[in-house]
Amino acid sequence: MRLTLLTGITGLVLLVVVVELMRRRQLREKYAALWIGVALVALPLAFFPRLPDEIAGALGVVSGVSLVLFGGVVFLLLISIHLSWELSRLEEETRVLAEDVALLRAEVRREEVER
């Protein structure tokens, strides 16, 4: 199987999976936009397989494959940083909610004792 055909099929499958997950409300729009962007980058590579080589040549990179690989690694690093940020934010939110629940429980117990 030629790499260009595999790239096109991967882009189409990724696009269909993301749209289906959004339709079932299992993937939020802010995350779906990233993956739709990846699919929309992968699809033209199937039709224009020399495009990465031309961009690599313009940037002074030896090979288009190296440039695509580097772009993939940078993309995954950015996704990891974003998910770490989201996780940190959610942990802080969970901590604040747990403290609020503890304070409310203490207040309910105090009122029950006063009755």
C-alpha atoms as a PDB file:
ATOM      1  CA  MET A   1       0.000   0.000   0.000  1.00  0.00           C
ATOM      2  CA  ARG A   2       1.380   3.371  -0.927  1.00  0.00           C
ATOM      3  CA  LEU A   3       2.061   5.823   1.870  1.00  0.00           C
ATOM      4  CA  THR A   4      -0.026   8.522   0.222  1.00  0.00           C
ATOM      5  CA  LEU A   5      -3.073   6.241   0.123  1.00  0.00           C
ATOM      6  CA  LEU A   6      -2.485   5.234   3.756  1.00  0.00           C
ATOM      7  CA  THR A   7      -2.196   8.907   4.731  1.00  0.00           C
ATOM      8  CA  GLY A   8      -5.473   9.749   2.985  1.00  0.00           C
ATOM      9  CA  ILE A   9      -7.302   6.828   4.577  1.00  0.00           C
ATOM     10  CA  THR A  10      -5.916   7.788   8.003  1.00  0.00           C
ATOM     11  CA  GLY A  11      -7.089  11.364   7.565  1.00  0.00           C
ATOM     12  CA  LEU A  12     -10.579  10.260   6.506  1.00  0.00           C
ATOM     13  CA  VAL A  13     -10.890   7.730   9.351  1.00  0.00           C
ATOM     14  CA  LEU A  14      -9.713  10.333  11.865  1.00  0.00           C
ATOM     15  CA  LEU A  15     -12.256  12.842  10.540  1.00  0.00           C
ATOM     16  CA  VAL A  16     -15.117  10.307  10.685  1.00  0.00           C
ATOM     17  CA  VAL A  17     -14.177   9.153  14.217  1.00  0.00           C
ATOM     18  CA  VAL A  18     -13.975  12.733  15.538  1.00  0.00           C
ATOM     19  CA  VAL A  19     -17.309  13.709  13.975  1.00  0.00           C
ATOM     20  CA  GLU A  20     -18.959  10.555  15.367  1.00  0.00           C
ATOM     21  CA  LEU A  21     -17.559  11.199  18.863  1.00  0.00           C
ATOM     22  CA  MET A  22     -18.849  14.783  18.706  1.00  0.00           C
ATOM     23  CA  ARG A  23     -22.257  13.559  17.503  1.00  0.00           C
ATOM     24  CA  ARG A  24     -22.480  11.184  20.478  1.00  0.00           C
ATOM     25  CA  ARG A  25     -21.356  14.009  22.780  1.00  0.00           C
ATOM     26  CA  GLN A  26     -18.298  12.027  23.907  1.00  0.00           C
ATOM     27  CA  LEU A  27     -15.776  14.598  22.669  1.00  0.00           C
ATOM     28  CA  ARG A  28     -16.031  18.309  23.374  1.00  0.00           C
ATOM     29  CA  GLU A  29     -15.647  20.821  20.600  1.00  0.00           C
ATOM     30  CA  LYS A  30     -12.441  22.341  21.969  1.00  0.00           C
ATOM     31  CA  TYR A  31     -10.663  18.967  21.704  1.00  0.00           C
ATOM     32  CA  ALA A  32     -12.352  18.008  18.456  1.00  0.00           C
ATOM     33  CA  ALA A  33     -11.001  21.121  16.758  1.00  0.00           C
ATOM     34  CA  LEU A  34      -7.433  19.894  17.317  1.00  0.00           C
ATOM     35  CA  TRP A  35      -8.113  16.489  15.773  1.00  0.00           C
ATOM     36  CA  ILE A  36     -10.117  17.905  12.898  1.00  0.00           C
ATOM     37  CA  GLY A  37      -7.096  20.129  12.250  1.00  0.00           C
ATOM     38  CA  VAL A  38      -4.847  17.057  12.174  1.00  0.00           C
ATOM     39  CA  ALA A  39      -7.198  15.312   9.753  1.00  0.00           C
ATOM     40  CA  LEU A  40      -7.335  18.382   7.545  1.00  0.00           C
ATOM     41  CA  VAL A  41      -3.525  18.492   7.474  1.00  0.00           C
ATOM     42  CA  ALA A  42      -3.248  14.761   6.700  1.00  0.00           C
ATOM     43  CA  LEU A  43      -5.750  14.757   3.834  1.00  0.00           C
ATOM     44  CA  PRO A  44      -3.860  17.151   1.511  1.00  0.00           C
ATOM     45  CA  LEU A  45      -0.701  15.094   2.044  1.00  0.00           C
ATOM     46  CA  ALA A  46      -2.484  12.213   0.301  1.00  0.00           C
ATOM     47  CA  PHE A  47      -3.168  14.330  -2.778  1.00  0.00           C
ATOM     48  CA  PHE A  48       0.106  16.292  -2.757  1.00  0.00           C
ATOM     49  CA  PRO A  49       2.791  13.856  -1.518  1.00  0.00           C
ATOM     50  CA  ARG A  50       5.644  16.172  -2.589  1.00  0.00           C
ATOM     51  CA  LEU A  51       4.327  19.066  -0.471  1.00  0.00           C
ATOM     52  CA  PRO A  52       6.339  18.139   2.675  1.00  0.00           C
ATOM     53  CA  ASP A  53       9.543  17.907   0.599  1.00  0.00           C
ATOM     54  CA  GLU A  54       8.932  21.340  -0.910  1.00  0.00           C
ATOM     55  CA  ILE A  55       8.197  22.892   2.490  1.00  0.00           C
ATOM     56  CA  ALA A  56      11.242  21.135   3.981  1.00  0.00           C
ATOM     57  CA  GLY A  57      13.429  22.470   1.170  1.00  0.00           C
ATOM     58  CA  ALA A  58      12.152  25.998   1.777  1.00  0.00           C
ATOM     59  CA  LEU A  59      12.902  25.667   5.500  1.00  0.00           C
ATOM     60  CA  GLY A  60      16.327  24.127   4.926  1.00  0.00           C
ATOM     61  CA  VAL A  61      15.380  20.707   6.312  1.00  0.00           C
ATOM     62  CA  VAL A  62      16.912  17.757   4.462  1.00  0.00           C
ATOM     63  CA  SER A  63      13.826  15.572   4.172  1.00  0.00           C
ATOM     64  CA  GLY A  64      10.062  16.122   4.125  1.00  0.00           C
ATOM     65  CA  VAL A  65       9.579  12.994   6.226  1.00  0.00           C
ATOM     66  CA  SER A  66      11.833  14.459   8.925  1.00  0.00           C
ATOM     67  CA  LEU A  67       9.815  17.674   8.892  1.00  0.00           C
ATOM     68  CA  VAL A  68       6.503  15.791   9.215  1.00  0.00           C
ATOM     69  CA  LEU A  69       7.943  13.645  12.034  1.00  0.00           C
ATOM     70  CA  PHE A  70       9.246  16.736  13.845  1.00  0.00           C
ATOM     71  CA  GLY A  71       5.866  18.435  13.429  1.00  0.00           C
ATOM     72  CA  GLY A  72       4.164  15.353  14.881  1.00  0.00           C
ATOM     73  CA  VAL A  73       6.453  15.329  17.916  1.00  0.00           C
ATOM     74  CA  VAL A  74       5.902  19.053  18.524  1.00  0.00           C
ATOM     75  CA  PHE A  75       2.147  18.574  18.177  1.00  0.00           C
ATOM     76  CA  LEU A  76       2.153  15.715  20.708  1.00  0.00           C
ATOM     77  CA  LEU A  77       4.251  17.790  23.130  1.00  0.00           C
ATOM     78  CA  LEU A  78       1.746  20.645  22.874  1.00  0.00           C
ATOM     79  CA  ILE A  79      -1.141  18.217  23.440  1.00  0.00           C
ATOM     80  CA  SER A  80       0.640  16.844  26.537  1.00  0.00           C
ATOM     81  CA  ILE A  81       1.190  20.331  27.940  1.00  0.00           C
ATOM     82  CA  HIS A  82      -2.430  21.263  27.279  1.00  0.00           C
ATOM     83  CA  LEU A  83      -3.738  18.095  28.957  1.00  0.00           C
ATOM     84  CA  SER A  84      -1.428  18.666  31.949  1.00  0.00           C
ATOM     85  CA  TRP A  85      -2.800  22.185  32.248  1.00  0.00           C
ATOM     86  CA  GLU A  86      -6.387  20.889  32.065  1.00  0.00           C
ATOM     87  CA  LEU A  87      -5.630  18.208  34.680  1.00  0.00           C
ATOM     88  CA  SER A  88      -4.067  20.764  37.034  1.00  0.00           C
ATOM     89  CA  ARG A  89      -7.059  23.051  36.647  1.00  0.00           C
ATOM     90  CA  LEU A  90      -9.506  20.205  37.333  1.00  0.00           C
ATOM     91  CA  GLU A  91      -7.532  19.061  40.411  1.00  0.00           C
ATOM     92  CA  GLU A  92      -7.695  22.587  41.821  1.00  0.00           C
ATOM     93  CA  GLU A  93     -11.422  22.751  41.101  1.00  0.00           C
ATOM     94  CA  THR A  94     -11.949  19.361  42.795  1.00  0.00           C
ATOM     95  CA  ARG A  95      -9.976  20.487  45.859  1.00  0.00           C
ATOM     96  CA  VAL A  96     -12.067  23.661  46.204  1.00  0.00           C
ATOM     97  CA  LEU A  97     -15.307  21.675  45.800  1.00  0.00           C
ATOM     98  CA  ALA A  98     -14.182  19.122  48.434  1.00  0.00           C
ATOM     99  CA  GLU A  99     -13.410  21.969  50.866  1.00  0.00           C
ATOM    100  CA  ASP A 100     -16.812  23.545  50.205  1.00  0.00           C
ATOM    101  CA  VAL A 101     -18.593  20.216  50.827  1.00  0.00           C
ATOM    102  CA  ALA A 102     -16.628  19.713  54.060  1.00  0.00           C
ATOM    103  CA  LEU A 103     -17.583  23.192  55.289  1.00  0.00           C
ATOM    104  CA  LEU A 104     -21.247  22.611  54.406  1.00  0.00           C
ATOM    105  CA  ARG A 105     -21.252  19.233  56.205  1.00  0.00           C
ATOM    106  CA  ALA A 106     -19.711  20.825  59.278  1.00  0.00           C
ATOM    107  CA  GLU A 107     -22.362  23.558  59.229  1.00  0.00           C
ATOM    108  CA  VAL A 108     -25.198  20.999  58.872  1.00  0.00           C
ATOM    109  CA  ARG A 109     -23.815  18.947  61.788  1.00  0.00           C
ATOM    110  CA  ARG A 110     -23.495  22.088  63.934  1.00  0.00           C
ATOM    111  CA  GLU A 111     -27.131  23.011  63.223  1.00  0.00           C
ATOM    112  CA  GLU A 112     -28.262  19.444  64.005  1.00  0.00           C
ATOM    113  CA  VAL A 113     -26.445  19.572  67.365  1.00  0.00           C
ATOM    114  CA  GLU A 114     -27.986  22.975  68.211  1.00  0.00           C
ATOM    115  CA  ARG A 115     -31.565  21.655  67.685  1.00  0.00           C
END
